[in-house]
Structure formats: C-alpha cells, structure tokens
Amino acid sequence: MDRRLLDLLACPICKAPLEYRRTRDELVCRPERLAYPVRDGIPVLLAAEARQMELAELDERP
C-alpha cells in the first residue's frame, strides 16, 4: 500500500489513523478494534465490511 495514501486514510468511525497489515491485506483501526479489507488494492472503509478483531490480534506486527 502506498505510504502517501495510508497517511490520508482514517477510520470512518473514530477518525483514527489506520495501520496496514500486509499479511491479511487489511487496514486496522486500533481504537475501534476493526479491520477493513483491501480488495484489489482498494481500501473498503465501510463499517459493514469491517471485521471485529480480538485483543491478541492488535499486538501482531503489521
């Protein structure tokens, strides 16, 4: 994911910065514990498409 694009993106719910996780191809919002999918290189920043993360997943390295 392009670093410049990542710097512009924020969680649509709380406006926190997002962290890209290459292994699962998703963007993570730590405060909300949500992971937004990236499909074909396009971030899908819809709450309905996000998956709830477990606390242990937040500590994984991107």
PDB file of N, CA and C in Angstrom:
ATOM      1  N   MET A   1       0.854  -1.175   0.000  1.00  0.00           N
ATOM      2  CA  MET A   1       0.000   0.000   0.000  1.00  0.00           C
ATOM      3  C   MET A   1       0.894   1.229   0.000  1.00  0.00           C
ATOM      4  N   ASP A   2       0.534   2.193  -0.797  1.00  0.00           N
ATOM      5  CA  ASP A   2       1.294   3.430  -0.919  1.00  0.00           C
ATOM      6  C   ASP A   2       1.252   4.199   0.402  1.00  0.00           C
ATOM      7  N   ARG A   3       2.406   4.563   0.905  1.00  0.00           N
ATOM      8  CA  ARG A   3       2.516   5.262   2.192  1.00  0.00           C
ATOM      9  C   ARG A   3       1.765   6.601   2.171  1.00  0.00           C
ATOM     10  N   ARG A   4       1.811   7.313   1.043  1.00  0.00           N
ATOM     11  CA  ARG A   4       1.108   8.597   0.955  1.00  0.00           C
ATOM     12  C   ARG A   4      -0.401   8.415   1.084  1.00  0.00           C
ATOM     13  N   LEU A   5      -0.926   7.356   0.474  1.00  0.00           N
ATOM     14  CA  LEU A   5      -2.351   7.069   0.595  1.00  0.00           C
ATOM     15  C   LEU A   5      -2.693   6.698   2.028  1.00  0.00           C
ATOM     16  N   LEU A   6      -1.879   5.872   2.639  1.00  0.00           N
ATOM     17  CA  LEU A   6      -2.114   5.444   4.009  1.00  0.00           C
ATOM     18  C   LEU A   6      -2.132   6.633   4.965  1.00  0.00           C
ATOM     19  N   ASP A   7      -1.287   7.622   4.718  1.00  0.00           N
ATOM     20  CA  ASP A   7      -1.256   8.819   5.564  1.00  0.00           C
ATOM     21  C   ASP A   7      -2.553   9.624   5.465  1.00  0.00           C
ATOM     22  N   LEU A   8      -3.275   9.494   4.368  1.00  0.00           N
ATOM     23  CA  LEU A   8      -4.523  10.233   4.168  1.00  0.00           C
ATOM     24  C   LEU A   8      -5.749   9.514   4.724  1.00  0.00           C
ATOM     25  N   LEU A   9      -5.663   8.192   4.850  1.00  0.00           N
ATOM     26  CA  LEU A   9      -6.816   7.407   5.272  1.00  0.00           C
ATOM     27  C   LEU A   9      -6.999   7.440   6.786  1.00  0.00           C
ATOM     28  N   ALA A  10      -8.260   7.386   7.204  1.00  0.00           N
ATOM     29  CA  ALA A  10      -8.596   7.342   8.628  1.00  0.00           C
ATOM     30  C   ALA A  10      -9.819   6.442   8.807  1.00  0.00           C
ATOM     31  N   CYS A  11      -9.994   5.976  10.011  1.00  0.00           N
ATOM     32  CA  CYS A  11     -11.157   5.149  10.323  1.00  0.00           C
ATOM     33  C   CYS A  11     -12.420   5.994  10.117  1.00  0.00           C
ATOM     34  N   PRO A  12     -13.394   5.473   9.388  1.00  0.00           N
ATOM     35  CA  PRO A  12     -14.619   6.245   9.154  1.00  0.00           C
ATOM     36  C   PRO A  12     -15.475   6.418  10.411  1.00  0.00           C
ATOM     37  N   ILE A  13     -15.206   5.629  11.434  1.00  0.00           N
ATOM     38  CA  ILE A  13     -15.997   5.709  12.663  1.00  0.00           C
ATOM     39  C   ILE A  13     -15.401   6.710  13.652  1.00  0.00           C
ATOM     40  N   CYS A  14     -14.103   6.555  13.960  1.00  0.00           N
ATOM     41  CA  CYS A  14     -13.492   7.396  15.000  1.00  0.00           C
ATOM     42  C   CYS A  14     -12.435   8.360  14.468  1.00  0.00           C
ATOM     43  N   LYS A  15     -12.121   8.275  13.193  1.00  0.00           N
ATOM     44  CA  LYS A  15     -11.140   9.145  12.518  1.00  0.00           C
ATOM     45  C   LYS A  15      -9.695   8.898  12.957  1.00  0.00           C
ATOM     46  N   ALA A  16      -9.428   7.778  13.596  1.00  0.00           N
ATOM     47  CA  ALA A  16      -8.060   7.419  13.997  1.00  0.00           C
ATOM     48  C   ALA A  16      -7.270   6.963  12.767  1.00  0.00           C
ATOM     49  N   PRO A  17      -5.941   7.098  12.808  1.00  0.00           N
ATOM     50  CA  PRO A  17      -5.127   6.607  11.688  1.00  0.00           C
ATOM     51  C   PRO A  17      -5.245   5.088  11.566  1.00  0.00           C
ATOM     52  N   LEU A  18      -5.041   4.598  10.359  1.00  0.00           N
ATOM     53  CA  LEU A  18      -5.132   3.167  10.089  1.00  0.00           C
ATOM     54  C   LEU A  18      -3.745   2.581   9.865  1.00  0.00           C
ATOM     55  N   GLU A  19      -3.595   1.334  10.249  1.00  0.00           N
ATOM     56  CA  GLU A  19      -2.328   0.611  10.107  1.00  0.00           C
ATOM     57  C   GLU A  19      -2.522  -0.496   9.076  1.00  0.00           C
ATOM     58  N   TYR A  20      -1.646  -0.553   8.087  1.00  0.00           N
ATOM     59  CA  TYR A  20      -1.773  -1.568   7.048  1.00  0.00           C
ATOM     60  C   TYR A  20      -1.121  -2.867   7.495  1.00  0.00           C
ATOM     61  N   ARG A  21      -1.858  -3.960   7.381  1.00  0.00           N
ATOM     62  CA  ARG A  21      -1.340  -5.297   7.681  1.00  0.00           C
ATOM     63  C   ARG A  21      -1.262  -6.067   6.377  1.00  0.00           C
ATOM     64  N   ARG A  22      -0.044  -6.205   5.883  1.00  0.00           N
ATOM     65  CA  ARG A  22       0.186  -6.846   4.585  1.00  0.00           C
ATOM     66  C   ARG A  22      -0.233  -8.317   4.593  1.00  0.00           C
ATOM     67  N   THR A  23       0.007  -9.033   5.697  1.00  0.00           N
ATOM     68  CA  THR A  23      -0.264 -10.469   5.734  1.00  0.00           C
ATOM     69  C   THR A  23      -1.731 -10.791   5.458  1.00  0.00           C
ATOM     70  N   ARG A  24      -2.637  -9.939   5.910  1.00  0.00           N
ATOM     71  CA  ARG A  24      -4.064 -10.186   5.686  1.00  0.00           C
ATOM     72  C   ARG A  24      -4.670  -9.195   4.707  1.00  0.00           C
ATOM     73  N   ASP A  25      -3.852  -8.278   4.202  1.00  0.00           N
ATOM     74  CA  ASP A  25      -4.299  -7.259   3.260  1.00  0.00           C
ATOM     75  C   ASP A  25      -5.509  -6.513   3.815  1.00  0.00           C
ATOM     76  N   GLU A  26      -5.284  -5.857   4.968  1.00  0.00           N
ATOM     77  CA  GLU A  26      -6.350  -5.107   5.602  1.00  0.00           C
ATOM     78  C   GLU A  26      -5.789  -3.896   6.341  1.00  0.00           C
ATOM     79  N   LEU A  27      -6.667  -2.963   6.636  1.00  0.00           N
ATOM     80  CA  LEU A  27      -6.313  -1.758   7.379  1.00  0.00           C
ATOM     81  C   LEU A  27      -6.926  -1.869   8.764  1.00  0.00           C
ATOM     82  N   VAL A  28      -6.121  -1.632   9.780  1.00  0.00           N
ATOM     83  CA  VAL A  28      -6.547  -1.841  11.162  1.00  0.00           C
ATOM     84  C   VAL A  28      -6.729  -0.513  11.885  1.00  0.00           C
ATOM     85  N   CYS A  29      -7.859  -0.400  12.572  1.00  0.00           N
ATOM     86  CA  CYS A  29      -8.120   0.717  13.473  1.00  0.00           C
ATOM     87  C   CYS A  29      -7.989   0.172  14.890  1.00  0.00           C
ATOM     88  N   ARG A  30      -6.934   0.568  15.573  1.00  0.00           N
ATOM     89  CA  ARG A  30      -6.689   0.059  16.921  1.00  0.00           C
ATOM     90  C   ARG A  30      -7.767   0.482  17.934  1.00  0.00           C
ATOM     91  N   PRO A  31      -8.150   1.769  17.985  1.00  0.00           N
ATOM     92  CA  PRO A  31      -9.149   2.169  18.994  1.00  0.00           C
ATOM     93  C   PRO A  31     -10.488   1.436  18.862  1.00  0.00           C
ATOM     94  N   GLU A  32     -10.935   1.203  17.651  1.00  0.00           N
ATOM     95  CA  GLU A  32     -12.224   0.527  17.424  1.00  0.00           C
ATOM     96  C   GLU A  32     -12.081  -0.989  17.329  1.00  0.00           C
ATOM     97  N   ARG A  33     -10.835  -1.483  17.230  1.00  0.00           N
ATOM     98  CA  ARG A  33     -10.552  -2.917  17.049  1.00  0.00           C
ATOM     99  C   ARG A  33     -11.268  -3.463  15.816  1.00  0.00           C
ATOM    100  N   LEU A  34     -11.139  -2.718  14.704  1.00  0.00           N
ATOM    101  CA  LEU A  34     -11.746  -3.126  13.447  1.00  0.00           C
ATOM    102  C   LEU A  34     -10.676  -3.298  12.382  1.00  0.00           C
ATOM    103  N   ALA A  35     -10.909  -4.236  11.482  1.00  0.00           N
ATOM    104  CA  ALA A  35     -10.024  -4.464  10.341  1.00  0.00           C
ATOM    105  C   ALA A  35     -10.839  -4.307   9.073  1.00  0.00           C
ATOM    106  N   TYR A  36     -10.439  -3.344   8.257  1.00  0.00           N
ATOM    107  CA  TYR A  36     -11.111  -3.066   6.988  1.00  0.00           C
ATOM    108  C   TYR A  36     -10.371  -3.783   5.867  1.00  0.00           C
ATOM    109  N   PRO A  37     -11.072  -4.475   4.990  1.00  0.00           N
ATOM    110  CA  PRO A  37     -10.406  -5.203   3.912  1.00  0.00           C
ATOM    111  C   PRO A  37      -9.859  -4.274   2.826  1.00  0.00           C
ATOM    112  N   VAL A  38      -8.836  -4.757   2.139  1.00  0.00           N
ATOM    113  CA  VAL A  38      -8.307  -4.092   0.947  1.00  0.00           C
ATOM    114  C   VAL A  38      -8.503  -5.078  -0.188  1.00  0.00           C
ATOM    115  N   ARG A  39      -9.351  -4.714  -1.140  1.00  0.00           N
ATOM    116  CA  ARG A  39      -9.676  -5.615  -2.250  1.00  0.00           C
ATOM    117  C   ARG A  39      -9.147  -5.038  -3.550  1.00  0.00           C
ATOM    118  N   ASP A  40      -8.334  -5.805  -4.225  1.00  0.00           N
ATOM    119  CA  ASP A  40      -7.734  -5.366  -5.491  1.00  0.00           C
ATOM    120  C   ASP A  40      -7.024  -4.028  -5.340  1.00  0.00           C
ATOM    121  N   GLY A  41      -6.388  -3.836  -4.179  1.00  0.00           N
ATOM    122  CA  GLY A  41      -5.640  -2.614  -3.926  1.00  0.00           C
ATOM    123  C   GLY A  41      -6.481  -1.433  -3.488  1.00  0.00           C
ATOM    124  N   ILE A  42      -7.790  -1.644  -3.299  1.00  0.00           N
ATOM    125  CA  ILE A  42      -8.700  -0.560  -2.924  1.00  0.00           C
ATOM    126  C   ILE A  42      -9.214  -0.793  -1.503  1.00  0.00           C
ATOM    127  N   PRO A  43      -8.962   0.161  -0.589  1.00  0.00           N
ATOM    128  CA  PRO A  43      -9.475   0.021   0.775  1.00  0.00           C
ATOM    129  C   PRO A  43     -10.999   0.120   0.790  1.00  0.00           C
ATOM    130  N   VAL A  44     -11.628  -0.802   1.501  1.00  0.00           N
ATOM    131  CA  VAL A  44     -13.079  -0.799   1.647  1.00  0.00           C
ATOM    132  C   VAL A  44     -13.372  -0.303   3.063  1.00  0.00           C
ATOM    133  N   LEU A  45     -13.598   0.996   3.195  1.00  0.00           N
ATOM    134  CA  LEU A  45     -13.766   1.612   4.509  1.00  0.00           C
ATOM    135  C   LEU A  45     -15.241   1.762   4.877  1.00  0.00           C
ATOM    136  N   LEU A  46     -15.928   0.653   4.868  1.00  0.00           N
ATOM    137  CA  LEU A  46     -17.334   0.596   5.252  1.00  0.00           C
ATOM    138  C   LEU A  46     -17.453  -0.207   6.538  1.00  0.00           C
ATOM    139  N   ALA A  47     -18.149   0.338   7.514  1.00  0.00           N
ATOM    140  CA  ALA A  47     -18.302  -0.349   8.798  1.00  0.00           C
ATOM    141  C   ALA A  47     -18.912  -1.740   8.620  1.00  0.00           C
ATOM    142  N   ALA A  48     -19.828  -1.866   7.682  1.00  0.00           N
ATOM    143  CA  ALA A  48     -20.479  -3.162   7.442  1.00  0.00           C
ATOM    144  C   ALA A  48     -19.506  -4.209   6.898  1.00  0.00           C
ATOM    145  N   GLU A  49     -18.420  -3.782   6.278  1.00  0.00           N
ATOM    146  CA  GLU A  49     -17.432  -4.694   5.701  1.00  0.00           C
ATOM    147  C   GLU A  49     -16.284  -5.017   6.671  1.00  0.00           C
ATOM    148  N   ALA A  50     -16.177  -4.261   7.749  1.00  0.00           N
ATOM    149  CA  ALA A  50     -15.078  -4.450   8.702  1.00  0.00           C
ATOM    150  C   ALA A  50     -15.326  -5.675   9.575  1.00  0.00           C
ATOM    151  N   ARG A  51     -14.217  -6.276   9.999  1.00  0.00           N
ATOM    152  CA  ARG A  51     -14.354  -7.411  10.933  1.00  0.00           C
ATOM    153  C   ARG A  51     -13.835  -6.971  12.298  1.00  0.00           C
ATOM    154  N   GLN A  52     -14.496  -7.452  13.333  1.00  0.00           N
ATOM    155  CA  GLN A  52     -14.081  -7.162  14.697  1.00  0.00           C
ATOM    156  C   GLN A  52     -12.842  -7.978  15.021  1.00  0.00           C
ATOM    157  N   MET A  53     -11.845  -7.347  15.621  1.00  0.00           N
ATOM    158  CA  MET A  53     -10.590  -8.030  15.944  1.00  0.00           C
ATOM    159  C   MET A  53     -10.549  -8.420  17.413  1.00  0.00           C
ATOM    160  N   GLU A  54      -9.846  -9.502  17.695  1.00  0.00           N
ATOM    161  CA  GLU A  54      -9.586  -9.905  19.068  1.00  0.00           C
ATOM    162  C   GLU A  54      -8.440  -9.052  19.608  1.00  0.00           C
ATOM    163  N   LEU A  55      -8.361  -8.878  20.915  1.00  0.00           N
ATOM    164  CA  LEU A  55      -7.283  -8.088  21.519  1.00  0.00           C
ATOM    165  C   LEU A  55      -5.906  -8.620  21.158  1.00  0.00           C
ATOM    166  N   ALA A  56      -5.742  -9.922  21.117  1.00  0.00           N
ATOM    167  CA  ALA A  56      -4.440 -10.520  20.804  1.00  0.00           C
ATOM    168  C   ALA A  56      -3.982 -10.163  19.392  1.00  0.00           C
ATOM    169  N   GLU A  57      -4.912  -9.992  18.473  1.00  0.00           N
ATOM    170  CA  GLU A  57      -4.559  -9.635  17.091  1.00  0.00           C
ATOM    171  C   GLU A  57      -3.948  -8.251  16.987  1.00  0.00           C
ATOM    172  N   LEU A  58      -4.326  -7.357  17.869  1.00  0.00           N
ATOM    173  CA  LEU A  58      -3.819  -5.995  17.825  1.00  0.00           C
ATOM    174  C   LEU A  58      -2.309  -5.942  18.087  1.00  0.00           C
ATOM    175  N   ASP A  59      -1.806  -6.901  18.828  1.00  0.00           N
ATOM    176  CA  ASP A  59      -0.377  -6.921  19.161  1.00  0.00           C
ATOM    177  C   ASP A  59       0.487  -7.534  18.074  1.00  0.00           C
ATOM    178  N   GLU A  60      -0.144  -8.134  17.067  1.00  0.00           N
ATOM    179  CA  GLU A  60       0.632  -8.716  15.969  1.00  0.00           C
ATOM    180  C   GLU A  60       1.336  -7.625  15.200  1.00  0.00           C
ATOM    181  N   ARG A  61       2.456  -7.948  14.637  1.00  0.00           N
ATOM    182  CA  ARG A  61       3.215  -6.992  13.836  1.00  0.00           C
ATOM    183  C   ARG A  61       2.597  -6.858  12.458  1.00  0.00           C
ATOM    184  N   PRO A  62       2.562  -5.613  11.930  1.00  0.00           N
ATOM    185  CA  PRO A  62       1.987  -5.412  10.591  1.00  0.00           C
ATOM    186  C   PRO A  62       2.816  -6.072   9.515  1.00  0.00           C
TER     187      PRO A  62
END
